């Protein structure tokens, strides 16, 4: 069986089992990738509206990583900057079929986004309180971070395969 630069390169099952699993891996990979694209472009475009800019202001204000944005760019400017970053990340991830390397960069940028938003759980007062709607909203980013890291690795393997590299099995 020819090695492919995807998830089947890390398993060592009978070819028939791998053939039956392949559609699930392909479907799951597509759902992860284009789910990220949808969420990043949708949530990123919300950042251009006043309601979202005001909604993220307390998160930014308490962040040791992003609080500098408010005095430098203002609330709307900071929100717009984040929106541009999120939309650009989503569009780069979507380029996987034609430019896998760009998709790697988009997935890595999304990973940074999700790491930063997860940091809000620890920097925003009351965020991890079980009654807080902020904490529940931010916790989904653990899964989104995993999806972004996975799609970065998958696109990287695809780019290497495009360049003629072969994936090694364990």
Protein backbone atom coordinates (compact mmCIF):
# COMPACT_ATOMS: atom_id res chain seq x y z
CA UNK A 1 0.00 0.00 0.00
CA UNK A 2 1.44 3.37 -0.98
CA UNK A 3 2.11 5.71 1.90
CA UNK A 4 -0.05 8.81 2.00
CA UNK A 5 0.86 11.99 3.85
CA UNK A 6 -2.26 11.89 6.02
CA UNK A 7 -3.62 10.14 9.08
CA UNK A 8 -3.26 6.64 7.59
CA UNK A 9 0.53 7.02 7.76
CA UNK A 10 0.41 6.72 11.55
CA UNK A 11 -1.63 3.52 11.79
CA UNK A 12 -0.56 0.00 11.00
CA UNK A 13 -3.77 -1.95 10.38
CA UNK A 14 -4.74 -4.37 7.66
CA UNK A 15 -5.29 -2.55 4.35
CA UNK A 16 -9.01 -3.48 4.33
CA UNK A 17 -9.53 -1.81 7.72
CA UNK A 18 -7.65 1.28 6.60
CA UNK A 19 -9.73 1.45 3.43
CA UNK A 20 -12.95 1.39 5.46
CA UNK A 21 -11.63 4.06 7.86
CA UNK A 22 -10.37 6.41 5.12
CA UNK A 23 -13.78 8.05 4.37
CA UNK A 24 -14.21 8.90 8.06
CA UNK A 25 -10.73 10.43 8.24
CA UNK A 26 -11.34 12.44 5.07
CA UNK A 27 -14.76 13.62 6.24
CA UNK A 28 -13.47 14.51 9.70
CA UNK A 29 -10.49 16.39 8.28
CA UNK A 30 -12.76 18.36 5.95
CA UNK A 31 -15.19 19.17 8.75
CA UNK A 32 -12.37 20.35 10.99
CA UNK A 33 -10.76 22.47 8.28
CA UNK A 34 -13.86 24.09 6.83
CA UNK A 35 -15.51 24.37 10.23
CA UNK A 36 -12.49 26.43 11.30
CA UNK A 37 -12.74 28.48 8.11
CA UNK A 38 -16.42 29.17 8.74
CA UNK A 39 -15.99 30.07 12.41
CA UNK A 40 -12.90 32.22 11.91
CA UNK A 41 -14.38 34.19 9.02
CA UNK A 42 -17.76 34.58 10.72
CA UNK A 43 -16.42 35.51 14.17
CA UNK A 44 -13.71 37.65 12.56
CA UNK A 45 -16.29 39.59 10.55
CA UNK A 46 -18.31 40.23 13.71
CA UNK A 47 -15.27 42.12 15.03
CA UNK A 48 -16.09 44.96 12.62
CA UNK A 49 -19.34 45.71 14.46
CA UNK A 50 -19.74 47.83 17.58
CA UNK A 51 -21.46 45.10 19.63
CA UNK A 52 -18.52 42.74 19.22
CA UNK A 53 -15.90 45.44 19.81
CA UNK A 54 -17.59 46.33 23.10
CA UNK A 55 -17.97 42.64 23.96
CA UNK A 56 -14.27 41.89 23.68
CA UNK A 57 -13.12 45.11 25.37
CA UNK A 58 -13.11 43.63 28.93
CA UNK A 59 -11.22 40.57 27.71
CA UNK A 60 -8.56 42.71 26.05
CA UNK A 61 -8.34 45.11 29.00
CA UNK A 62 -7.33 42.30 31.37
CA UNK A 63 -5.00 40.48 28.99
CA UNK A 64 -1.26 40.82 29.61
CA UNK A 65 -0.76 39.98 25.92
CA UNK A 66 -3.32 42.20 24.22
CA UNK A 67 -4.14 45.06 26.60
CA UNK A 68 -1.66 47.31 24.76
CA UNK A 69 -4.08 47.35 21.80
CA UNK A 70 -6.74 49.43 23.55
CA UNK A 71 -4.63 52.57 24.23
CA UNK A 72 -2.82 52.26 20.89
CA UNK A 73 -5.70 51.39 18.55
CA UNK A 74 -8.82 52.13 20.58
CA UNK A 75 -11.65 49.68 21.08
CA UNK A 76 -12.83 49.63 17.45
CA UNK A 77 -9.29 49.61 16.05
CA UNK A 78 -8.28 46.68 18.25
CA UNK A 79 -11.43 44.80 17.32
CA UNK A 80 -10.87 45.51 13.61
CA UNK A 81 -7.25 44.34 13.85
CA UNK A 82 -8.33 41.08 15.48
CA UNK A 83 -11.08 40.69 12.88
CA UNK A 84 -8.61 41.08 10.02
CA UNK A 85 -6.30 38.52 11.64
CA UNK A 86 -9.13 36.00 12.13
CA UNK A 87 -10.61 36.41 8.65
CA UNK A 88 -7.15 36.19 7.05
CA UNK A 89 -6.39 33.04 9.07
CA UNK A 90 -9.64 31.46 7.90
CA UNK A 91 -9.00 32.31 4.26
CA UNK A 92 -5.46 30.94 4.45
CA UNK A 93 -6.75 27.69 5.96
CA UNK A 94 -9.25 27.46 3.09
CA UNK A 95 -6.40 27.58 0.56
CA UNK A 96 -5.32 24.02 1.50
CA UNK A 97 -6.33 22.42 -1.81
CA UNK A 98 -4.27 24.84 -3.93
CA UNK A 99 -1.63 26.18 -1.52
CA UNK A 100 -1.10 23.77 1.38
CA UNK A 101 1.77 25.83 2.79
CA UNK A 102 -0.49 28.90 3.07
CA UNK A 103 -2.97 26.69 4.90
CA UNK A 104 -0.24 25.70 7.37
CA UNK A 105 0.38 29.38 8.11
CA UNK A 106 -3.34 30.04 8.50
CA UNK A 107 -3.73 27.12 10.89
CA UNK A 108 -0.75 28.24 12.94
CA UNK A 109 -2.16 31.79 13.09
CA UNK A 110 -5.50 30.34 14.23
CA UNK A 111 -3.64 28.35 16.89
CA UNK A 112 -2.17 31.58 18.23
CA UNK A 113 -5.66 33.11 18.23
CA UNK A 114 -7.08 30.23 20.25
CA UNK A 115 -4.17 30.21 22.69
CA UNK A 116 -4.72 33.92 23.29
CA UNK A 117 -8.47 33.52 23.76
CA UNK A 118 -7.89 30.63 26.15
CA UNK A 119 -5.59 32.86 28.16
CA UNK A 120 -8.65 35.08 28.82
CA UNK A 121 -9.96 32.28 31.05
CA UNK A 122 -7.13 33.04 33.46
CA UNK A 123 -6.74 36.79 32.99
CA UNK A 124 -10.38 37.94 32.97
CA UNK A 125 -11.78 38.22 36.50
CA UNK A 126 -14.57 35.71 37.09
CA UNK A 127 -14.18 33.97 33.73
CA UNK A 128 -13.75 30.49 35.22
CA UNK A 129 -16.64 30.93 37.65
CA UNK A 130 -19.20 28.21 36.77
CA UNK A 131 -21.89 30.90 36.50
CA UNK A 132 -19.87 32.93 33.99
CA UNK A 133 -21.07 32.88 30.40
CA UNK A 134 -17.61 34.07 29.32
CA UNK A 135 -15.85 30.93 30.59
CA UNK A 136 -18.26 28.58 28.85
CA UNK A 137 -17.95 30.55 25.64
CA UNK A 138 -14.15 30.48 25.74
CA UNK A 139 -13.76 26.79 26.65
CA UNK A 140 -14.78 25.73 23.15
CA UNK A 141 -11.45 27.14 22.03
CA UNK A 142 -9.70 24.07 23.46
CA UNK A 143 -11.34 22.02 20.70
CA UNK A 144 -10.74 24.73 18.10
CA UNK A 145 -7.07 24.85 19.10
CA UNK A 146 -6.86 21.09 18.57
CA UNK A 147 -8.52 21.45 15.16
CA UNK A 148 -6.11 24.23 14.16
CA UNK A 149 -3.05 22.23 15.24
CA UNK A 150 -4.36 19.16 13.38
CA UNK A 151 -5.06 21.08 10.18
CA UNK A 152 -1.60 22.70 10.37
CA UNK A 153 0.02 19.26 10.57
CA UNK A 154 -2.18 17.78 7.86
CA UNK A 155 -1.54 20.68 5.47
CA UNK A 156 2.18 20.53 6.25
CA UNK A 157 2.26 16.83 5.34
CA UNK A 158 0.36 17.64 2.13
CA UNK A 159 2.88 20.35 1.27
CA UNK A 160 5.77 17.97 1.89
CA UNK A 161 4.07 15.32 -0.27
CA UNK A 162 3.63 17.92 -3.02
CA UNK A 163 7.37 18.54 -2.85
CA UNK A 164 8.08 14.80 -3.16
CA UNK A 165 8.69 13.89 0.48
CA UNK A 166 7.20 10.69 1.81
CA UNK A 167 5.67 10.32 5.25
CA UNK A 168 7.20 7.65 7.47
CA UNK A 169 5.09 5.24 9.46
CA UNK A 170 5.88 4.54 13.09
